[in-house]
Amino acid sequence: MCSEGLKPDDVIFIAVLSACTHGGLLDEGKRVFDQMVHNFDIRPRIEHYGCMVDLLGRTGKLEEAIRFVESMHLQPNAVIWATLLSACKIHGNGELLESLTKKILDQEPTNPGYLTLITNLSSSVGRWNMHWRSA
């Protein structure tokens, strides 16, 4: 697109970042996000952030993903937190389970997809008796 003189819009960047995520292209995804912000002056939407969190999480960069979320100019939503939790499940990391569960349940306490994800990760790390539901 750029070589043809066309300026990509925010939707194109979502597609490219998603492709990087599913291709495991960490460095390329970071470069594309940086170009989007600095070269094309596009302010990231929650979907752009979600792609980056997913990319970092899938590649095992959980701590970097958390720092990335903390640096966002938008408030993270339950999708962002669940994306991180999914990465924890993929990589067998139960350390973040309680904090991420709280963040998810604070925003969407009755979402069956999130409840299933929380239950599955809890069981996979041997935390069957975790008290994550509020009365």
N, C-alpha and C. Protein backbone atom coordinates (compact mmCIF):
# COMPACT_ATOMS: atom_id res chain seq x y z
N MET A 1 0.82 -1.20 0.00
CA MET A 1 0.00 0.00 0.00
C MET A 1 0.86 1.25 0.00
N CYS A 2 1.82 1.26 0.87
CA CYS A 2 2.63 2.46 1.01
C CYS A 2 3.42 2.74 -0.27
N SER A 3 3.92 1.68 -0.92
CA SER A 3 4.69 1.88 -2.15
C SER A 3 3.81 2.41 -3.28
N GLU A 4 2.49 2.23 -3.16
CA GLU A 4 1.54 2.74 -4.14
C GLU A 4 1.02 4.13 -3.77
N GLY A 5 1.53 4.66 -2.65
CA GLY A 5 1.11 5.99 -2.23
C GLY A 5 -0.19 6.01 -1.42
N LEU A 6 -0.65 4.84 -1.01
CA LEU A 6 -1.88 4.76 -0.22
C LEU A 6 -1.53 4.76 1.26
N LYS A 7 -2.29 5.51 2.03
CA LYS A 7 -2.06 5.57 3.48
C LYS A 7 -2.99 4.57 4.16
N PRO A 8 -2.42 3.60 4.88
CA PRO A 8 -3.28 2.64 5.58
C PRO A 8 -4.05 3.32 6.71
N ASP A 9 -5.27 2.84 6.94
CA ASP A 9 -6.06 3.39 8.03
C ASP A 9 -6.00 2.47 9.24
N ASP A 10 -6.72 2.82 10.30
CA ASP A 10 -6.65 2.05 11.54
C ASP A 10 -7.15 0.62 11.36
N VAL A 11 -8.11 0.39 10.47
CA VAL A 11 -8.65 -0.95 10.25
C VAL A 11 -7.60 -1.85 9.58
N ILE A 12 -6.86 -1.29 8.65
CA ILE A 12 -5.78 -2.06 8.00
C ILE A 12 -4.77 -2.50 9.05
N PHE A 13 -4.47 -1.62 9.98
CA PHE A 13 -3.48 -1.98 11.01
C PHE A 13 -4.01 -3.07 11.93
N ILE A 14 -5.30 -3.10 12.19
CA ILE A 14 -5.86 -4.21 12.98
C ILE A 14 -5.64 -5.52 12.25
N ALA A 15 -5.90 -5.53 10.94
CA ALA A 15 -5.71 -6.74 10.14
C ALA A 15 -4.25 -7.18 10.13
N VAL A 16 -3.34 -6.24 9.94
CA VAL A 16 -1.91 -6.58 9.89
C VAL A 16 -1.42 -7.07 11.25
N LEU A 17 -1.83 -6.40 12.31
CA LEU A 17 -1.43 -6.83 13.66
C LEU A 17 -2.00 -8.21 13.98
N SER A 18 -3.22 -8.45 13.57
CA SER A 18 -3.82 -9.77 13.79
C SER A 18 -3.05 -10.84 13.03
N ALA A 19 -2.65 -10.54 11.81
CA ALA A 19 -1.85 -11.49 11.03
C ALA A 19 -0.52 -11.77 11.71
N CYS A 20 0.11 -10.73 12.24
CA CYS A 20 1.37 -10.92 12.98
C CYS A 20 1.14 -11.81 14.19
N THR A 21 0.04 -11.58 14.89
CA THR A 21 -0.29 -12.38 16.07
C THR A 21 -0.42 -13.85 15.71
N HIS A 22 -1.21 -14.14 14.70
CA HIS A 22 -1.46 -15.53 14.34
C HIS A 22 -0.27 -16.18 13.66
N GLY A 23 0.65 -15.37 13.15
CA GLY A 23 1.87 -15.89 12.55
C GLY A 23 3.03 -15.96 13.54
N GLY A 24 2.82 -15.48 14.77
CA GLY A 24 3.88 -15.48 15.77
C GLY A 24 5.01 -14.52 15.43
N LEU A 25 4.70 -13.46 14.70
CA LEU A 25 5.71 -12.51 14.23
C LEU A 25 5.84 -11.35 15.22
N LEU A 26 6.52 -11.61 16.32
CA LEU A 26 6.62 -10.64 17.41
C LEU A 26 7.32 -9.35 16.97
N ASP A 27 8.50 -9.46 16.44
CA ASP A 27 9.25 -8.26 16.07
C ASP A 27 8.53 -7.44 15.00
N GLU A 28 7.95 -8.14 14.03
CA GLU A 28 7.22 -7.44 12.98
C GLU A 28 5.98 -6.73 13.54
N GLY A 29 5.28 -7.40 14.45
CA GLY A 29 4.11 -6.80 15.06
C GLY A 29 4.46 -5.54 15.85
N LYS A 30 5.54 -5.61 16.59
CA LYS A 30 5.99 -4.44 17.34
C LYS A 30 6.35 -3.30 16.39
N ARG A 31 7.03 -3.64 15.31
CA ARG A 31 7.43 -2.64 14.33
C ARG A 31 6.20 -2.00 13.68
N VAL A 32 5.21 -2.81 13.32
CA VAL A 32 3.99 -2.31 12.69
C VAL A 32 3.24 -1.38 13.65
N PHE A 33 3.12 -1.79 14.91
CA PHE A 33 2.43 -0.95 15.90
C PHE A 33 3.14 0.39 16.04
N ASP A 34 4.47 0.34 16.13
CA ASP A 34 5.26 1.56 16.26
C ASP A 34 5.08 2.46 15.03
N GLN A 35 5.09 1.88 13.84
CA GLN A 35 4.88 2.66 12.62
C GLN A 35 3.49 3.28 12.59
N MET A 36 2.50 2.52 13.02
CA MET A 36 1.14 3.01 13.04
C MET A 36 1.05 4.30 13.87
N VAL A 37 1.68 4.26 15.04
CA VAL A 37 1.61 5.40 15.96
C VAL A 37 2.50 6.55 15.50
N HIS A 38 3.74 6.24 15.15
CA HIS A 38 4.71 7.30 14.90
C HIS A 38 4.78 7.76 13.45
N ASN A 39 4.58 6.87 12.50
CA ASN A 39 4.70 7.25 11.09
C ASN A 39 3.36 7.68 10.49
N PHE A 40 2.27 7.08 10.98
CA PHE A 40 0.96 7.36 10.40
C PHE A 40 0.03 8.12 11.34
N ASP A 41 0.55 8.47 12.52
CA ASP A 41 -0.20 9.26 13.50
C ASP A 41 -1.60 8.70 13.79
N ILE A 42 -1.68 7.39 13.91
CA ILE A 42 -2.94 6.76 14.25
C ILE A 42 -2.93 6.45 15.74
N ARG A 43 -3.92 6.97 16.43
CA ARG A 43 -4.05 6.71 17.86
C ARG A 43 -4.64 5.31 18.03
N PRO A 44 -3.95 4.45 18.76
CA PRO A 44 -4.43 3.06 18.90
C PRO A 44 -5.82 2.98 19.54
N ARG A 45 -6.62 2.10 19.00
CA ARG A 45 -7.92 1.76 19.57
C ARG A 45 -7.73 0.51 20.42
N ILE A 46 -8.77 0.16 21.16
CA ILE A 46 -8.69 -1.01 22.04
C ILE A 46 -8.37 -2.27 21.23
N GLU A 47 -8.83 -2.33 19.97
CA GLU A 47 -8.56 -3.49 19.13
C GLU A 47 -7.07 -3.61 18.79
N HIS A 48 -6.39 -2.49 18.57
CA HIS A 48 -4.95 -2.52 18.31
C HIS A 48 -4.21 -3.03 19.56
N TYR A 49 -4.61 -2.49 20.71
CA TYR A 49 -4.00 -2.94 21.95
C TYR A 49 -4.27 -4.43 22.17
N GLY A 50 -5.48 -4.86 21.88
CA GLY A 50 -5.81 -6.27 22.04
C GLY A 50 -4.93 -7.17 21.18
N CYS A 51 -4.69 -6.75 19.95
CA CYS A 51 -3.80 -7.53 19.08
C CYS A 51 -2.39 -7.62 19.66
N MET A 52 -1.90 -6.51 20.17
CA MET A 52 -0.55 -6.51 20.73
C MET A 52 -0.46 -7.35 22.00
N VAL A 53 -1.47 -7.27 22.85
CA VAL A 53 -1.48 -8.09 24.06
C VAL A 53 -1.53 -9.57 23.68
N ASP A 54 -2.35 -9.90 22.69
CA ASP A 54 -2.43 -11.28 22.21
C ASP A 54 -1.10 -11.73 21.64
N LEU A 55 -0.46 -10.90 20.84
CA LEU A 55 0.84 -11.22 20.25
C LEU A 55 1.89 -11.47 21.33
N LEU A 56 1.97 -10.56 22.28
CA LEU A 56 2.94 -10.72 23.37
C LEU A 56 2.63 -11.96 24.20
N GLY A 57 1.36 -12.17 24.49
CA GLY A 57 0.97 -13.32 25.30
C GLY A 57 1.23 -14.64 24.61
N ARG A 58 0.87 -14.74 23.34
CA ARG A 58 1.07 -16.00 22.60
C ARG A 58 2.54 -16.36 22.47
N THR A 59 3.39 -15.34 22.44
CA THR A 59 4.82 -15.59 22.32
C THR A 59 5.51 -15.72 23.69
N GLY A 60 4.71 -15.77 24.74
CA GLY A 60 5.25 -16.01 26.08
C GLY A 60 5.80 -14.80 26.79
N LYS A 61 5.58 -13.63 26.26
CA LYS A 61 6.09 -12.39 26.86
C LYS A 61 5.04 -11.81 27.80
N LEU A 62 4.69 -12.57 28.84
CA LEU A 62 3.60 -12.17 29.74
C LEU A 62 3.91 -10.90 30.52
N GLU A 63 5.10 -10.79 31.04
CA GLU A 63 5.46 -9.59 31.81
C GLU A 63 5.47 -8.37 30.90
N GLU A 64 5.98 -8.53 29.69
CA GLU A 64 5.97 -7.42 28.75
C GLU A 64 4.53 -7.04 28.37
N ALA A 65 3.68 -8.04 28.24
CA ALA A 65 2.27 -7.78 27.94
C ALA A 65 1.62 -6.97 29.06
N ILE A 66 1.92 -7.30 30.29
CA ILE A 66 1.36 -6.55 31.43
C ILE A 66 1.86 -5.11 31.41
N ARG A 67 3.15 -4.93 31.17
CA ARG A 67 3.69 -3.56 31.09
C ARG A 67 3.03 -2.80 29.94
N PHE A 68 2.79 -3.49 28.84
CA PHE A 68 2.13 -2.87 27.70
C PHE A 68 0.72 -2.40 28.08
N VAL A 69 -0.02 -3.27 28.76
CA VAL A 69 -1.38 -2.91 29.20
C VAL A 69 -1.32 -1.70 30.14
N GLU A 70 -0.38 -1.69 31.03
CA GLU A 70 -0.25 -0.58 31.97
C GLU A 70 0.08 0.73 31.28
N SER A 71 0.67 0.66 30.08
CA SER A 71 1.06 1.87 29.35
C SER A 71 -0.02 2.37 28.40
N MET A 72 -1.10 1.63 28.26
CA MET A 72 -2.16 2.00 27.32
C MET A 72 -2.80 3.33 27.70
N HIS A 73 -3.22 4.10 26.71
CA HIS A 73 -3.91 5.36 27.00
C HIS A 73 -5.41 5.13 27.22
N LEU A 74 -5.87 3.91 27.01
CA LEU A 74 -7.27 3.54 27.26
C LEU A 74 -7.34 2.62 28.47
N GLN A 75 -8.50 2.59 29.11
CA GLN A 75 -8.71 1.65 30.20
C GLN A 75 -8.83 0.24 29.60
N PRO A 76 -8.08 -0.72 30.11
CA PRO A 76 -8.22 -2.09 29.61
C PRO A 76 -9.62 -2.63 29.92
N ASN A 77 -10.18 -3.34 28.96
CA ASN A 77 -11.49 -3.94 29.18
C ASN A 77 -11.32 -5.43 29.52
N ALA A 78 -12.41 -6.10 29.73
CA ALA A 78 -12.36 -7.53 30.10
C ALA A 78 -11.71 -8.37 29.00
N VAL A 79 -11.87 -7.95 27.74
CA VAL A 79 -11.24 -8.69 26.64
C VAL A 79 -9.72 -8.67 26.77
N ILE A 80 -9.18 -7.52 27.11
CA ILE A 80 -7.72 -7.41 27.30
C ILE A 80 -7.26 -8.34 28.42
N TRP A 81 -7.96 -8.29 29.56
CA TRP A 81 -7.57 -9.13 30.70
C TRP A 81 -7.75 -10.61 30.37
N ALA A 82 -8.81 -10.97 29.67
CA ALA A 82 -9.03 -12.37 29.30
C ALA A 82 -7.99 -12.84 28.29
N THR A 83 -7.55 -11.96 27.43
CA THR A 83 -6.49 -12.30 26.48
C THR A 83 -5.21 -12.64 27.24
N LEU A 84 -4.90 -11.86 28.26
CA LEU A 84 -3.74 -12.17 29.11
C LEU A 84 -3.94 -13.49 29.84
N LEU A 85 -5.14 -13.70 30.34
CA LEU A 85 -5.42 -14.95 31.06
C LEU A 85 -5.29 -16.15 30.12
N SER A 86 -5.73 -16.01 28.88
CA SER A 86 -5.58 -17.09 27.91
C SER A 86 -4.11 -17.40 27.66
N ALA A 87 -3.29 -16.36 27.60
CA ALA A 87 -1.85 -16.57 27.43
C ALA A 87 -1.27 -17.32 28.64
N CYS A 88 -1.77 -17.00 29.81
CA CYS A 88 -1.32 -17.71 31.01
C CYS A 88 -1.67 -19.20 30.90
N LYS A 89 -2.84 -19.49 30.39
CA LYS A 89 -3.26 -20.88 30.22
C LYS A 89 -2.35 -21.59 29.22
N ILE A 90 -2.08 -20.94 28.09
CA ILE A 90 -1.22 -21.52 27.05
C ILE A 90 0.15 -21.86 27.63
N HIS A 91 0.68 -20.98 28.45
CA HIS A 91 2.04 -21.14 28.95
C HIS A 91 2.11 -21.74 30.36
N GLY A 92 0.98 -22.19 30.89
CA GLY A 92 0.95 -22.84 32.19
C GLY A 92 1.35 -21.94 33.34
N ASN A 93 1.06 -20.66 33.21
CA ASN A 93 1.43 -19.68 34.22
C ASN A 93 0.22 -19.36 35.09
N GLY A 94 0.21 -19.88 36.31
CA GLY A 94 -0.90 -19.62 37.22
C GLY A 94 -0.65 -18.46 38.16
N GLU A 95 0.52 -17.83 38.05
CA GLU A 95 0.89 -16.75 38.97
C GLU A 95 -0.04 -15.54 38.87
N LEU A 96 -0.53 -15.27 37.69
CA LEU A 96 -1.36 -14.08 37.47
C LEU A 96 -2.85 -14.38 37.59
N LEU A 97 -3.18 -15.63 37.88
CA LEU A 97 -4.56 -16.08 37.88
C LEU A 97 -5.48 -15.22 38.75
N GLU A 98 -5.12 -15.02 40.00
CA GLU A 98 -6.01 -14.29 40.90
C GLU A 98 -6.18 -12.83 40.51
N SER A 99 -5.09 -12.15 40.17
CA SER A 99 -5.20 -10.73 39.84
C SER A 99 -5.99 -10.52 38.54
N LEU A 100 -5.73 -11.37 37.54
CA LEU A 100 -6.47 -11.23 36.28
C LEU A 100 -7.93 -11.63 36.44
N THR A 101 -8.18 -12.66 37.23
CA THR A 101 -9.55 -13.07 37.49
C THR A 101 -10.34 -11.94 38.12
N LYS A 102 -9.75 -11.27 39.09
CA LYS A 102 -10.43 -10.15 39.74
C LYS A 102 -10.74 -9.04 38.74
N LYS A 103 -9.79 -8.73 37.89
CA LYS A 103 -10.00 -7.66 36.91
C LYS A 103 -11.12 -8.03 35.93
N ILE A 104 -11.14 -9.28 35.50
CA ILE A 104 -12.19 -9.73 34.58
C ILE A 104 -13.55 -9.69 35.26
N LEU A 105 -13.62 -10.25 36.46
CA LEU A 105 -14.91 -10.34 37.15
C LEU A 105 -15.42 -8.98 37.61
N ASP A 106 -14.53 -8.04 37.84
CA ASP A 106 -14.97 -6.68 38.16
C ASP A 106 -15.72 -6.06 36.99
N GLN A 107 -15.35 -6.44 35.77
CA GLN A 107 -15.96 -5.84 34.59
C GLN A 107 -17.10 -6.66 34.01
N GLU A 108 -16.95 -7.97 34.02
CA GLU A 108 -17.99 -8.84 33.43
C GLU A 108 -18.17 -10.11 34.27
N PRO A 109 -18.81 -9.98 35.41
CA PRO A 109 -18.90 -11.10 36.36
C PRO A 109 -19.75 -12.27 35.91
N THR A 110 -20.60 -12.09 34.92
CA THR A 110 -21.49 -13.18 34.52
C THR A 110 -21.22 -13.70 33.11
N ASN A 111 -20.15 -13.27 32.49
CA ASN A 111 -19.85 -13.72 31.13
C ASN A 111 -19.43 -15.19 31.17
N PRO A 112 -20.22 -16.08 30.56
CA PRO A 112 -19.91 -17.52 30.65
C PRO A 112 -18.59 -17.90 30.00
N GLY A 113 -18.20 -17.20 28.96
CA GLY A 113 -16.91 -17.49 28.32
C GLY A 113 -15.75 -17.21 29.25
N TYR A 114 -15.82 -16.08 29.94
CA TYR A 114 -14.76 -15.73 30.88
C TYR A 114 -14.76 -16.66 32.08
N LEU A 115 -15.94 -17.02 32.57
CA LEU A 115 -16.02 -17.95 33.70
C LEU A 115 -15.44 -19.30 33.34
N THR A 116 -15.67 -19.74 32.12
CA THR A 116 -15.10 -21.02 31.65
C THR A 116 -13.58 -20.92 31.56
N LEU A 117 -13.08 -19.84 31.01
CA LEU A 117 -11.63 -19.63 30.92
C LEU A 117 -10.99 -19.64 32.30
N ILE A 118 -11.59 -18.93 33.24
CA ILE A 118 -11.06 -18.87 34.60
C ILE A 118 -11.06 -20.27 35.23
N THR A 119 -12.15 -20.99 35.08
CA THR A 119 -12.25 -22.34 35.64
C THR A 119 -11.22 -23.26 35.01
N ASN A 120 -11.07 -23.18 33.69
CA ASN A 120 -10.11 -24.06 33.01
C ASN A 120 -8.68 -23.78 33.44
N LEU A 121 -8.31 -22.50 33.55
CA LEU A 121 -6.96 -22.20 33.99
C LEU A 121 -6.77 -22.61 35.44
N SER A 122 -7.76 -22.36 36.27
CA SER A 122 -7.67 -22.74 37.68
C SER A 122 -7.41 -24.24 37.81
N SER A 123 -8.16 -25.04 37.07
CA SER A 123 -7.98 -26.49 37.16
C SER A 123 -6.65 -26.93 36.57
N SER A 124 -6.21 -26.27 35.51
CA SER A 124 -4.95 -26.70 34.87
C SER A 124 -3.73 -26.43 35.74
N VAL A 125 -3.84 -25.49 36.66
CA VAL A 125 -2.72 -25.20 37.56
C VAL A 125 -2.98 -25.73 38.97
N GLY A 126 -4.01 -26.59 39.11
CA GLY A 126 -4.28 -27.23 40.40
C GLY A 126 -4.88 -26.32 41.44
N ARG A 127 -5.63 -25.32 41.02
CA ARG A 127 -6.23 -24.36 41.96
C ARG A 127 -7.74 -24.56 42.00
N TRP A 128 -8.19 -25.77 42.24
CA TRP A 128 -9.61 -26.09 42.24
C TRP A 128 -10.40 -25.32 43.29
N ASN A 129 -9.76 -25.00 44.40
CA ASN A 129 -10.51 -24.38 45.50
C ASN A 129 -10.36 -22.85 45.55
N MET A 130 -9.97 -22.26 44.45
CA MET A 130 -9.84 -20.82 44.42
C MET A 130 -11.20 -20.16 44.57
N HIS A 131 -11.29 -19.19 45.46
CA HIS A 131 -12.54 -18.48 45.71
C HIS A 131 -12.57 -17.21 44.87
N TRP A 132 -13.13 -17.31 43.69
CA TRP A 132 -13.13 -16.17 42.79
C TRP A 132 -14.51 -15.62 42.54
N ARG A 133 -15.51 -16.26 43.00
CA ARG A 133 -16.86 -15.74 42.82
C ARG A 133 -17.27 -14.95 44.04
N SER A 134 -17.89 -13.82 43.79
CA SER A 134 -18.39 -13.05 44.92
C SER A 134 -19.81 -13.50 45.24
N ALA A 135 -20.16 -13.42 46.49
CA ALA A 135 -21.49 -13.88 46.93
C ALA A 135 -22.56 -12.90 46.56
